[in-house]
Amino acid sequence: MSAERFKYYPPKFSNNVIYIAMLGLFLWFLATKGDAAWQWFMQRMSIETFVVGVGFTFYLVVFWVVGIPYLLLDKYRKPAWLYKYKIQDIPDERRKKASTNSLTKSILRVLFNQFFGTLPFLIGLVWVMKKMGYDPNIAIPVWWVALLQLAGMMLIEDVLFYTNHYFMHQKYLFKKFHKIHHEYRESIAIATHHVHYVEHIAGNLIPVFTGVLILQPHPFVVLFWILIVVMNALHTHSGYAFPWMSYSVHHDWHHYHVNGSFSAIGLMDAIFGTDKAFNKMKKGFRAQGSEVSSKTTDIAN
């Protein structure tokens, strides 16, 4: 394959079916096992230990257990029935240049951000929540309250992620911080945390946990929120358009085009019209077929 191509996959009705199933199981767990499970934890540890110890371990396990299979799929291109959902096809010679050395550096950067960014951030989060009067004995919420809290955190994250991401694409901030993240034009899953340390705090952690501070949900709801956010971030950066997962083509287009489509879920892009390039590409798909190529606009050049 000599030419680089971007494949457009339209949204499908089956998108998010995995998350919907997980949500159903989580709400069932809250209703049937939630109280007993929370009492079990609180009899054995403090709220600080739960948030920092259990929370960080849970986040770390989810990130790598979900992320590593994506990396293996990239490397071996098997199973073929999964690899066929690859969004970008790039020349083998360029793929080799970005192989082992780059991946090792990315893994080390990700681990640094996790242990020296996420972990101390969680410690600070516990301190702030205690100062705000958070009650660790908060009751297990009914299903509709948990749903509203999750929806609220998702909206808050989208607003803050979009704002940070938009400004990170301004020339000075791009060259100073965000250019690191865009070293991956063909994104890989763990690139979600392949970012400058400052961006990891401002662009990854603050948008995710601001809703936690504002809404103060039960810790089990926070854990589920972390599960969904981490899985979604890994998938939208993976370079694959699995029809049973969240829609990822718009963010892969962002890495390919290096501008526009700044939103996490697309809402803020639709409001502010920063998805014009993506929508133009979609029109090209309808006219030409599923393989669409485009000149990129790289602010770093």
C-alpha atoms as a PDB file:
ATOM      1  CA  MET A   1       0.000   0.000   0.000  1.00  0.00           C
ATOM      2  CA  SER A   2       1.724   3.177  -1.167  1.00  0.00           C
ATOM      3  CA  ALA A   3      -0.820   5.871  -0.419  1.00  0.00           C
ATOM      4  CA  GLU A   4      -2.078   6.934   2.979  1.00  0.00           C
ATOM      5  CA  ARG A   5      -5.847   6.772   3.365  1.00  0.00           C
ATOM      6  CA  PHE A   6      -8.408   7.771   5.933  1.00  0.00           C
ATOM      7  CA  LYS A   7     -11.481   5.563   6.021  1.00  0.00           C
ATOM      8  CA  TYR A   8     -14.741   7.122   7.098  1.00  0.00           C
ATOM      9  CA  TYR A   9     -17.178   4.921   9.013  1.00  0.00           C
ATOM     10  CA  PRO A  10     -20.662   6.372   9.559  1.00  0.00           C
ATOM     11  CA  PRO A  11     -22.269   6.114  13.021  1.00  0.00           C
ATOM     12  CA  LYS A  12     -24.199   2.912  13.642  1.00  0.00           C
ATOM     13  CA  PHE A  13     -27.203   2.107  15.786  1.00  0.00           C
ATOM     14  CA  SER A  14     -25.026  -0.410  17.607  1.00  0.00           C
ATOM     15  CA  ASN A  15     -22.538   2.224  18.802  1.00  0.00           C
ATOM     16  CA  ASN A  16     -22.252   2.309  22.614  1.00  0.00           C
ATOM     17  CA  VAL A  17     -23.973  -1.053  23.096  1.00  0.00           C
ATOM     18  CA  ILE A  18     -21.057  -2.170  25.307  1.00  0.00           C
ATOM     19  CA  TYR A  19     -21.430   0.898  27.536  1.00  0.00           C
ATOM     20  CA  ILE A  20     -25.191   0.455  27.742  1.00  0.00           C
ATOM     21  CA  ALA A  21     -24.757  -3.155  28.853  1.00  0.00           C
ATOM     22  CA  MET A  22     -22.144  -2.126  31.422  1.00  0.00           C
ATOM     23  CA  LEU A  23     -24.446   0.615  32.716  1.00  0.00           C
ATOM     24  CA  GLY A  24     -27.276  -1.872  33.155  1.00  0.00           C
ATOM     25  CA  LEU A  25     -25.035  -4.219  35.133  1.00  0.00           C
ATOM     26  CA  PHE A  26     -23.774  -1.362  37.275  1.00  0.00           C
ATOM     27  CA  LEU A  27     -27.272  -0.127  38.141  1.00  0.00           C
ATOM     28  CA  TRP A  28     -28.267  -3.704  39.006  1.00  0.00           C
ATOM     29  CA  PHE A  29     -25.209  -3.962  41.257  1.00  0.00           C
ATOM     30  CA  LEU A  30     -26.080  -0.704  43.048  1.00  0.00           C
ATOM     31  CA  ALA A  31     -29.660  -1.826  43.657  1.00  0.00           C
ATOM     32  CA  THR A  32     -28.874  -5.368  44.823  1.00  0.00           C
ATOM     33  CA  LYS A  33     -25.328  -5.404  46.200  1.00  0.00           C
ATOM     34  CA  GLY A  34     -24.383  -1.762  46.661  1.00  0.00           C
ATOM     35  CA  ASP A  35     -25.084  -1.285  50.363  1.00  0.00           C
ATOM     36  CA  ALA A  36     -23.444  -4.554  51.416  1.00  0.00           C
ATOM     37  CA  ALA A  37     -20.400  -3.952  49.220  1.00  0.00           C
ATOM     38  CA  TRP A  38     -19.885  -0.430  50.528  1.00  0.00           C
ATOM     39  CA  GLN A  39     -20.174  -1.548  54.146  1.00  0.00           C
ATOM     40  CA  TRP A  40     -17.578  -4.259  53.426  1.00  0.00           C
ATOM     41  CA  PHE A  41     -15.096  -1.657  52.165  1.00  0.00           C
ATOM     42  CA  MET A  42     -15.746   0.832  54.961  1.00  0.00           C
ATOM     43  CA  GLN A  43     -15.213  -1.864  57.624  1.00  0.00           C
ATOM     44  CA  ARG A  44     -11.738  -2.465  56.221  1.00  0.00           C
ATOM     45  CA  MET A  45     -10.452   0.924  55.095  1.00  0.00           C
ATOM     46  CA  SER A  46     -10.917   4.673  55.304  1.00  0.00           C
ATOM     47  CA  ILE A  47     -12.468   6.757  52.554  1.00  0.00           C
ATOM     48  CA  GLU A  48      -8.974   8.109  51.808  1.00  0.00           C
ATOM     49  CA  THR A  49      -7.621   4.591  51.283  1.00  0.00           C
ATOM     50  CA  PHE A  50     -10.589   3.683  49.099  1.00  0.00           C
ATOM     51  CA  VAL A  51     -10.292   6.717  46.804  1.00  0.00           C
ATOM     52  CA  VAL A  52      -6.505   6.740  46.530  1.00  0.00           C
ATOM     53  CA  GLY A  53      -5.703   3.037  46.888  1.00  0.00           C
ATOM     54  CA  VAL A  54      -8.677   1.273  45.326  1.00  0.00           C
ATOM     55  CA  GLY A  55      -9.442   4.130  42.944  1.00  0.00           C
ATOM     56  CA  PHE A  56      -5.924   4.442  41.537  1.00  0.00           C
ATOM     57  CA  THR A  57      -5.424   0.675  41.300  1.00  0.00           C
ATOM     58  CA  PHE A  58      -8.774   0.291  39.536  1.00  0.00           C
ATOM     59  CA  TYR A  59      -7.881   3.061  37.071  1.00  0.00           C
ATOM     60  CA  LEU A  60      -4.444   1.574  36.389  1.00  0.00           C
ATOM     61  CA  VAL A  61      -5.793  -1.941  35.806  1.00  0.00           C
ATOM     62  CA  VAL A  62      -8.555  -0.721  33.478  1.00  0.00           C
ATOM     63  CA  PHE A  63      -6.133   1.417  31.477  1.00  0.00           C
ATOM     64  CA  TRP A  64      -3.620  -1.335  30.759  1.00  0.00           C
ATOM     65  CA  VAL A  65      -5.992  -4.308  30.565  1.00  0.00           C
ATOM     66  CA  VAL A  66      -8.010  -2.442  27.920  1.00  0.00           C
ATOM     67  CA  GLY A  67      -5.064  -0.662  26.288  1.00  0.00           C
ATOM     68  CA  ILE A  68      -2.634  -3.551  25.741  1.00  0.00           C
ATOM     69  CA  PRO A  69      -4.946  -5.591  23.443  1.00  0.00           C
ATOM     70  CA  TYR A  70      -5.248  -2.529  21.181  1.00  0.00           C
ATOM     71  CA  LEU A  71      -1.436  -2.347  20.983  1.00  0.00           C
ATOM     72  CA  LEU A  72      -1.217  -6.053  20.159  1.00  0.00           C
ATOM     73  CA  LEU A  73      -3.848  -5.631  17.448  1.00  0.00           C
ATOM     74  CA  ASP A  74      -1.777  -2.799  15.965  1.00  0.00           C
ATOM     75  CA  LYS A  75       1.386  -4.902  15.986  1.00  0.00           C
ATOM     76  CA  TYR A  76       0.116  -8.224  14.692  1.00  0.00           C
ATOM     77  CA  ARG A  77      -2.968  -7.051  12.722  1.00  0.00           C
ATOM     78  CA  LYS A  78      -4.796 -10.108  14.014  1.00  0.00           C
ATOM     79  CA  PRO A  79      -7.520 -11.163  14.418  1.00  0.00           C
ATOM     80  CA  ALA A  80      -8.401  -9.902  10.947  1.00  0.00           C
ATOM     81  CA  TRP A  81     -12.083  -9.488  11.812  1.00  0.00           C
ATOM     82  CA  LEU A  82     -11.057  -6.779  14.310  1.00  0.00           C
ATOM     83  CA  TYR A  83      -8.235  -5.218  12.307  1.00  0.00           C
ATOM     84  CA  LYS A  84     -10.594  -4.562   9.400  1.00  0.00           C
ATOM     85  CA  TYR A  85     -12.076  -1.695  11.464  1.00  0.00           C
ATOM     86  CA  LYS A  86      -8.769   0.235  11.298  1.00  0.00           C
ATOM     87  CA  ILE A  87      -9.534   3.831  10.308  1.00  0.00           C
ATOM     88  CA  GLN A  88      -6.191   4.926   8.845  1.00  0.00           C
ATOM     89  CA  ASP A  89      -4.176   2.870   6.383  1.00  0.00           C
ATOM     90  CA  ILE A  90      -0.594   4.069   6.257  1.00  0.00           C
ATOM     91  CA  PRO A  91       2.478   2.879   4.351  1.00  0.00           C
ATOM     92  CA  ASP A  92       4.386   0.052   6.021  1.00  0.00           C
ATOM     93  CA  GLU A  93       7.624   2.019   5.848  1.00  0.00           C
ATOM     94  CA  ARG A  94       6.148   4.866   7.914  1.00  0.00           C
ATOM     95  CA  ARG A  95       4.614   2.390  10.334  1.00  0.00           C
ATOM     96  CA  LYS A  96       8.053   0.847  10.982  1.00  0.00           C
ATOM     97  CA  LYS A  97       9.548   4.238  11.844  1.00  0.00           C
ATOM     98  CA  ALA A  98       7.039   4.645  14.652  1.00  0.00           C
ATOM     99  CA  SER A  99       7.527   1.153  16.044  1.00  0.00           C
ATOM    100  CA  THR A 100       9.409  -0.106  19.086  1.00  0.00           C
ATOM    101  CA  ASN A 101      11.442   2.933  20.177  1.00  0.00           C
ATOM    102  CA  SER A 102       8.507   5.342  19.931  1.00  0.00           C
ATOM    103  CA  LEU A 103       6.187   2.944  21.725  1.00  0.00           C
ATOM    104  CA  THR A 104       8.675   2.454  24.569  1.00  0.00           C
ATOM    105  CA  LYS A 105       8.993   6.222  25.014  1.00  0.00           C
ATOM    106  CA  SER A 106       5.204   6.556  24.981  1.00  0.00           C
ATOM    107  CA  ILE A 107       4.757   3.849  27.612  1.00  0.00           C
ATOM    108  CA  LEU A 108       7.308   5.549  29.870  1.00  0.00           C
ATOM    109  CA  ARG A 109       5.606   8.923  29.424  1.00  0.00           C
ATOM    110  CA  VAL A 110       2.191   7.400  30.166  1.00  0.00           C
ATOM    111  CA  LEU A 111       3.487   5.690  33.315  1.00  0.00           C
ATOM    112  CA  PHE A 112       5.093   8.949  34.463  1.00  0.00           C
ATOM    113  CA  ASN A 113       1.798  10.809  34.003  1.00  0.00           C
ATOM    114  CA  GLN A 114      -0.083   8.078  35.840  1.00  0.00           C
ATOM    115  CA  PHE A 115       2.164   7.789  38.902  1.00  0.00           C
ATOM    116  CA  PHE A 116       3.275  11.422  39.176  1.00  0.00           C
ATOM    117  CA  GLY A 117       0.112  13.015  37.787  1.00  0.00           C
ATOM    118  CA  THR A 118      -2.981  10.917  38.448  1.00  0.00           C
ATOM    119  CA  LEU A 119      -1.892   9.502  41.814  1.00  0.00           C
ATOM    120  CA  PRO A 120      -1.045  12.834  43.523  1.00  0.00           C
ATOM    121  CA  PHE A 121      -4.131  14.357  41.876  1.00  0.00           C
ATOM    122  CA  LEU A 122      -6.329  11.762  43.608  1.00  0.00           C
ATOM    123  CA  ILE A 123      -4.649  12.527  46.926  1.00  0.00           C
ATOM    124  CA  GLY A 124      -5.427  16.207  46.418  1.00  0.00           C
ATOM    125  CA  LEU A 125      -8.967  15.359  45.349  1.00  0.00           C
ATOM    126  CA  VAL A 126      -9.658  13.569  48.651  1.00  0.00           C
ATOM    127  CA  TRP A 127      -8.342  16.561  50.601  1.00  0.00           C
ATOM    128  CA  VAL A 128     -10.506  19.025  48.648  1.00  0.00           C
ATOM    129  CA  MET A 129     -13.633  16.865  48.966  1.00  0.00           C
ATOM    130  CA  LYS A 130     -13.153  16.595  52.737  1.00  0.00           C
ATOM    131  CA  LYS A 131     -12.817  20.384  52.925  1.00  0.00           C
ATOM    132  CA  MET A 132     -16.076  20.635  50.967  1.00  0.00           C
ATOM    133  CA  GLY A 133     -17.816  18.459  53.554  1.00  0.00           C
ATOM    134  CA  TYR A 134     -18.124  15.266  51.535  1.00  0.00           C
ATOM    135  CA  ASP A 135     -19.852  12.538  53.574  1.00  0.00           C
ATOM    136  CA  PRO A 136     -18.229   9.101  53.082  1.00  0.00           C
ATOM    137  CA  ASN A 137     -21.359   7.504  54.553  1.00  0.00           C
ATOM    138  CA  ILE A 138     -23.494   8.817  51.710  1.00  0.00           C
ATOM    139  CA  ALA A 139     -26.286   6.407  50.830  1.00  0.00           C
ATOM    140  CA  ILE A 140     -26.216   4.274  47.690  1.00  0.00           C
ATOM    141  CA  PRO A 141     -28.205   6.323  45.137  1.00  0.00           C
ATOM    142  CA  VAL A 142     -31.320   5.075  43.390  1.00  0.00           C
ATOM    143  CA  TRP A 143     -30.815   4.270  39.713  1.00  0.00           C
ATOM    144  CA  TRP A 144     -32.160   7.517  38.276  1.00  0.00           C
ATOM    145  CA  VAL A 145     -29.982   9.653  40.572  1.00  0.00           C
ATOM    146  CA  ALA A 146     -26.902   7.694  39.493  1.00  0.00           C
ATOM    147  CA  LEU A 147     -27.905   8.214  35.849  1.00  0.00           C
ATOM    148  CA  LEU A 148     -28.328  11.965  36.340  1.00  0.00           C
ATOM    149  CA  GLN A 149     -24.965  12.200  38.089  1.00  0.00           C
ATOM    150  CA  LEU A 150     -23.229  10.324  35.297  1.00  0.00           C
ATOM    151  CA  ALA A 151     -24.918  12.508  32.677  1.00  0.00           C
ATOM    152  CA  GLY A 152     -23.944  15.638  34.595  1.00  0.00           C
ATOM    153  CA  MET A 153     -20.307  14.566  34.862  1.00  0.00           C
ATOM    154  CA  MET A 154     -20.268  13.770  31.143  1.00  0.00           C
ATOM    155  CA  LEU A 155     -21.568  17.230  30.214  1.00  0.00           C
ATOM    156  CA  ILE A 156     -19.150  18.986  32.576  1.00  0.00           C
ATOM    157  CA  GLU A 157     -16.269  16.967  31.162  1.00  0.00           C
ATOM    158  CA  ASP A 158     -17.230  17.818  27.585  1.00  0.00           C
ATOM    159  CA  VAL A 159     -17.339  21.555  28.305  1.00  0.00           C
ATOM    160  CA  LEU A 160     -13.997  21.587  30.130  1.00  0.00           C
ATOM    161  CA  PHE A 161     -12.249  19.165  27.765  1.00  0.00           C
ATOM    162  CA  TYR A 162     -13.396  21.160  24.747  1.00  0.00           C
ATOM    163  CA  THR A 163     -12.259  24.456  26.285  1.00  0.00           C
ATOM    164  CA  ASN A 164      -8.835  23.117  27.210  1.00  0.00           C
ATOM    165  CA  HIS A 165      -8.416  21.281  23.905  1.00  0.00           C
ATOM    166  CA  TYR A 166      -9.426  24.321  21.843  1.00  0.00           C
ATOM    167  CA  PHE A 167      -6.888  26.571  23.546  1.00  0.00           C
ATOM    168  CA  MET A 168      -4.210  23.878  23.355  1.00  0.00           C
ATOM    169  CA  HIS A 169      -4.507  24.193  19.580  1.00  0.00           C
ATOM    170  CA  GLN A 170      -3.589  27.867  19.638  1.00  0.00           C
ATOM    171  CA  LYS A 171      -0.098  28.309  18.242  1.00  0.00           C
ATOM    172  CA  TYR A 172       1.908  28.989  21.438  1.00  0.00           C
ATOM    173  CA  LEU A 173       0.191  26.348  23.586  1.00  0.00           C
ATOM    174  CA  PHE A 174       0.334  23.804  20.780  1.00  0.00           C
ATOM    175  CA  LYS A 175       4.104  24.118  20.415  1.00  0.00           C
ATOM    176  CA  LYS A 176       4.652  24.347  24.172  1.00  0.00           C
ATOM    177  CA  PHE A 177       2.414  21.469  25.283  1.00  0.00           C
ATOM    178  CA  HIS A 178      -0.018  19.828  22.856  1.00  0.00           C
ATOM    179  CA  LYS A 179       2.421  18.998  20.066  1.00  0.00           C
ATOM    180  CA  ILE A 180       3.561  15.967  22.089  1.00  0.00           C
ATOM    181  CA  HIS A 181       0.094  14.423  21.898  1.00  0.00           C
ATOM    182  CA  HIS A 182      -0.007  14.942  18.127  1.00  0.00           C
ATOM    183  CA  GLU A 183       3.192  13.025  17.552  1.00  0.00           C
ATOM    184  CA  TYR A 184       0.685  10.286  16.773  1.00  0.00           C
ATOM    185  CA  ARG A 185      -1.091  11.245  13.570  1.00  0.00           C
ATOM    186  CA  GLU A 186      -2.245   7.655  13.349  1.00  0.00           C
ATOM    187  CA  SER A 187      -3.343   7.477  16.958  1.00  0.00           C
ATOM    188  CA  ILE A 188      -2.814   4.473  19.231  1.00  0.00           C
ATOM    189  CA  ALA A 189      -4.897   3.711  22.304  1.00  0.00           C
ATOM    190  CA  ILE A 190      -2.418   4.767  24.994  1.00  0.00           C
ATOM    191  CA  ALA A 191      -1.836   8.081  23.191  1.00  0.00           C
ATOM    192  CA  THR A 192      -4.720   9.358  25.300  1.00  0.00           C
ATOM    193  CA  HIS A 193      -2.117   9.814  28.078  1.00  0.00           C
ATOM    194  CA  HIS A 194       0.833  10.421  25.779  1.00  0.00           C
ATOM    195  CA  VAL A 195       0.707  14.110  26.637  1.00  0.00           C
ATOM    196  CA  HIS A 196       2.766  16.798  28.339  1.00  0.00           C
ATOM    197  CA  TYR A 197       2.489  16.604  32.137  1.00  0.00           C
ATOM    198  CA  VAL A 198       0.715  19.988  32.262  1.00  0.00           C
ATOM    199  CA  GLU A 199      -1.829  18.824  29.704  1.00  0.00           C
ATOM    200  CA  HIS A 200      -2.423  15.595  31.604  1.00  0.00           C
ATOM    201  CA  ILE A 201      -3.488  17.629  34.640  1.00  0.00           C
ATOM    202  CA  ALA A 202      -5.357  20.392  32.812  1.00  0.00           C
ATOM    203  CA  GLY A 203      -6.802  18.440  29.902  1.00  0.00           C
ATOM    204  CA  ASN A 204      -7.309  14.906  31.209  1.00  0.00           C
ATOM    205  CA  LEU A 205      -7.807  15.021  34.981  1.00  0.00           C
ATOM    206  CA  ILE A 206      -9.496  18.349  35.717  1.00  0.00           C
ATOM    207  CA  PRO A 207     -12.306  17.845  33.146  1.00  0.00           C
ATOM    208  CA  VAL A 208     -12.975  14.313  34.433  1.00  0.00           C
ATOM    209  CA  PHE A 209     -13.002  15.121  38.164  1.00  0.00           C
ATOM    210  CA  THR A 210     -14.567  18.593  38.247  1.00  0.00           C
ATOM    211  CA  GLY A 211     -17.989  16.990  37.956  1.00  0.00           C
ATOM    212  CA  VAL A 212     -17.102  14.733  40.876  1.00  0.00           C
ATOM    213  CA  LEU A 213     -16.359  17.798  43.033  1.00  0.00           C
ATOM    214  CA  ILE A 214     -19.535  19.597  41.969  1.00  0.00           C
ATOM    215  CA  LEU A 215     -22.005  16.690  42.134  1.00  0.00           C
ATOM    216  CA  GLN A 216     -20.298  14.656  44.906  1.00  0.00           C
ATOM    217  CA  PRO A 217     -21.675  11.259  43.855  1.00  0.00           C
ATOM    218  CA  HIS A 218     -21.201   8.025  45.747  1.00  0.00           C
ATOM    219  CA  PRO A 219     -17.665   6.556  45.341  1.00  0.00           C
ATOM    220  CA  PHE A 220     -19.099   3.565  43.467  1.00  0.00           C
ATOM    221  CA  VAL A 221     -20.571   5.979  40.898  1.00  0.00           C
ATOM    222  CA  VAL A 222     -17.165   7.647  40.638  1.00  0.00           C
ATOM    223  CA  LEU A 223     -15.515   4.275  39.995  1.00  0.00           C
ATOM    224  CA  PHE A 224     -17.985   3.500  37.233  1.00  0.00           C
ATOM    225  CA  TRP A 225     -17.425   6.977  35.786  1.00  0.00           C
ATOM    226  CA  ILE A 226     -13.667   6.310  35.727  1.00  0.00           C
ATOM    227  CA  LEU A 227     -14.273   2.945  34.028  1.00  0.00           C
ATOM    228  CA  ILE A 228     -16.343   4.512  31.249  1.00  0.00           C
ATOM    229  CA  VAL A 229     -14.066   7.533  30.780  1.00  0.00           C
ATOM    230  CA  VAL A 230     -10.884   5.459  30.574  1.00  0.00           C
ATOM    231  CA  MET A 231     -12.378   2.876  28.214  1.00  0.00           C
ATOM    232  CA  ASN A 232     -13.800   5.610  26.002  1.00  0.00           C
ATOM    233  CA  ALA A 233     -10.533   7.590  25.927  1.00  0.00           C
ATOM    234  CA  LEU A 234      -8.579   4.475  24.965  1.00  0.00           C
ATOM    235  CA  HIS A 235     -11.034   3.544  22.234  1.00  0.00           C
ATOM    236  CA  THR A 236     -11.369   7.013  20.711  1.00  0.00           C
ATOM    237  CA  HIS A 237      -7.571   7.160  20.497  1.00  0.00           C
ATOM    238  CA  SER A 238      -7.180   3.571  19.286  1.00  0.00           C
ATOM    239  CA  GLY A 239      -7.602   4.191  15.570  1.00  0.00           C
ATOM    240  CA  TYR A 240     -10.405   1.632  15.300  1.00  0.00           C
ATOM    241  CA  ALA A 241     -14.102   2.116  14.587  1.00  0.00           C
ATOM    242  CA  PHE A 242     -15.626  -0.890  16.326  1.00  0.00           C
ATOM    243  CA  PRO A 243     -19.387  -0.614  15.778  1.00  0.00           C
ATOM    244  CA  TRP A 244     -20.204  -1.820  19.310  1.00  0.00           C
ATOM    245  CA  MET A 245     -18.071   0.852  21.000  1.00  0.00           C
ATOM    246  CA  SER A 246     -18.430   4.637  21.146  1.00  0.00           C
ATOM    247  CA  TYR A 247     -18.071   6.531  17.878  1.00  0.00           C
ATOM    248  CA  SER A 248     -14.345   7.188  17.425  1.00  0.00           C
ATOM    249  CA  VAL A 249     -13.981   8.418  13.844  1.00  0.00           C
ATOM    250  CA  HIS A 250     -14.337  12.108  14.742  1.00  0.00           C
ATOM    251  CA  HIS A 251     -11.348  12.022  17.121  1.00  0.00           C
ATOM    252  CA  ASP A 252      -9.252   9.928  14.744  1.00  0.00           C
ATOM    253  CA  TRP A 253     -10.017  12.585  12.137  1.00  0.00           C
ATOM    254  CA  HIS A 254      -8.792  15.185  14.611  1.00  0.00           C
ATOM    255  CA  HIS A 255      -5.416  13.404  14.776  1.00  0.00           C
ATOM    256  CA  TYR A 256      -5.321  12.960  10.997  1.00  0.00           C
ATOM    257  CA  HIS A 257      -6.366  16.526  10.220  1.00  0.00           C
ATOM    258  CA  VAL A 258      -4.622  18.031  13.307  1.00  0.00           C
ATOM    259  CA  ASN A 259      -7.395  20.550  13.921  1.00  0.00           C
ATOM    260  CA  GLY A 260     -11.111  20.797  14.619  1.00  0.00           C
ATOM    261  CA  SER A 261     -13.306  18.207  16.346  1.00  0.00           C
ATOM    262  CA  PHE A 262     -12.087  19.246  19.807  1.00  0.00           C
ATOM    263  CA  SER A 263     -15.014  17.850  21.804  1.00  0.00           C
ATOM    264  CA  ALA A 264     -15.009  14.566  23.731  1.00  0.00           C
ATOM    265  CA  ILE A 265     -18.549  13.585  22.722  1.00  0.00           C
ATOM    266  CA  GLY A 266     -19.159  16.025  19.862  1.00  0.00           C
ATOM    267  CA  LEU A 267     -21.682  18.272  21.638  1.00  0.00           C
ATOM    268  CA  MET A 268     -19.477  21.342  21.985  1.00  0.00           C
ATOM    269  CA  ASP A 269     -18.211  20.973  18.419  1.00  0.00           C
ATOM    270  CA  ALA A 270     -21.796  21.040  17.180  1.00  0.00           C
ATOM    271  CA  ILE A 271     -22.582  24.137  19.278  1.00  0.00           C
ATOM    272  CA  PHE A 272     -19.512  26.132  18.216  1.00  0.00           C
ATOM    273  CA  GLY A 273     -19.166  24.802  14.674  1.00  0.00           C
ATOM    274  CA  THR A 274     -15.679  23.382  15.132  1.00  0.00           C
ATOM    275  CA  ASP A 275     -16.646  20.182  13.342  1.00  0.00           C
ATOM    276  CA  LYS A 276     -16.816  21.816   9.887  1.00  0.00           C
ATOM    277  CA  ALA A 277     -13.777  19.972   8.505  1.00  0.00           C
ATOM    278  CA  PHE A 278     -15.158  16.667   9.750  1.00  0.00           C
ATOM    279  CA  ASN A 279     -18.566  17.359   8.200  1.00  0.00           C
ATOM    280  CA  LYS A 280     -16.889  18.329   4.924  1.00  0.00           C
ATOM    281  CA  MET A 281     -15.027  15.038   4.971  1.00  0.00           C
ATOM    282  CA  LYS A 282     -18.310  13.195   5.522  1.00  0.00           C
ATOM    283  CA  LYS A 283     -19.764  14.864   2.423  1.00  0.00           C
ATOM    284  CA  GLY A 284     -16.699  13.700   0.498  1.00  0.00           C
ATOM    285  CA  PHE A 285     -17.373  10.191   1.726  1.00  0.00           C
ATOM    286  CA  ARG A 286     -20.909  10.274   0.389  1.00  0.00           C
ATOM    287  CA  ALA A 287     -19.633  11.465  -2.972  1.00  0.00           C
ATOM    288  CA  GLN A 288     -16.528   9.256  -3.315  1.00  0.00           C
ATOM    289  CA  GLY A 289     -17.023   6.201  -1.123  1.00  0.00           C
ATOM    290  CA  SER A 290     -15.532   5.091   2.173  1.00  0.00           C
ATOM    291  CA  GLU A 291     -11.879   5.960   1.516  1.00  0.00           C
ATOM    292  CA  VAL A 292     -11.277   9.676   1.936  1.00  0.00           C
ATOM    293  CA  SER A 293      -7.961  11.498   1.828  1.00  0.00           C
ATOM    294  CA  SER A 294      -7.373  15.054   2.921  1.00  0.00           C
ATOM    295  CA  LYS A 295      -4.514  17.502   3.221  1.00  0.00           C
ATOM    296  CA  THR A 296      -3.769  18.188   6.841  1.00  0.00           C
ATOM    297  CA  THR A 297      -3.557  21.531   8.544  1.00  0.00           C
ATOM    298  CA  ASP A 298      -0.758  21.156  11.069  1.00  0.00           C
ATOM    299  CA  ILE A 299      -0.520  24.219  13.303  1.00  0.00           C
ATOM    300  CA  ALA A 300       2.955  23.125  14.355  1.00  0.00           C
ATOM    301  CA  ASN A 301       4.372  23.778  10.890  1.00  0.00           C
END
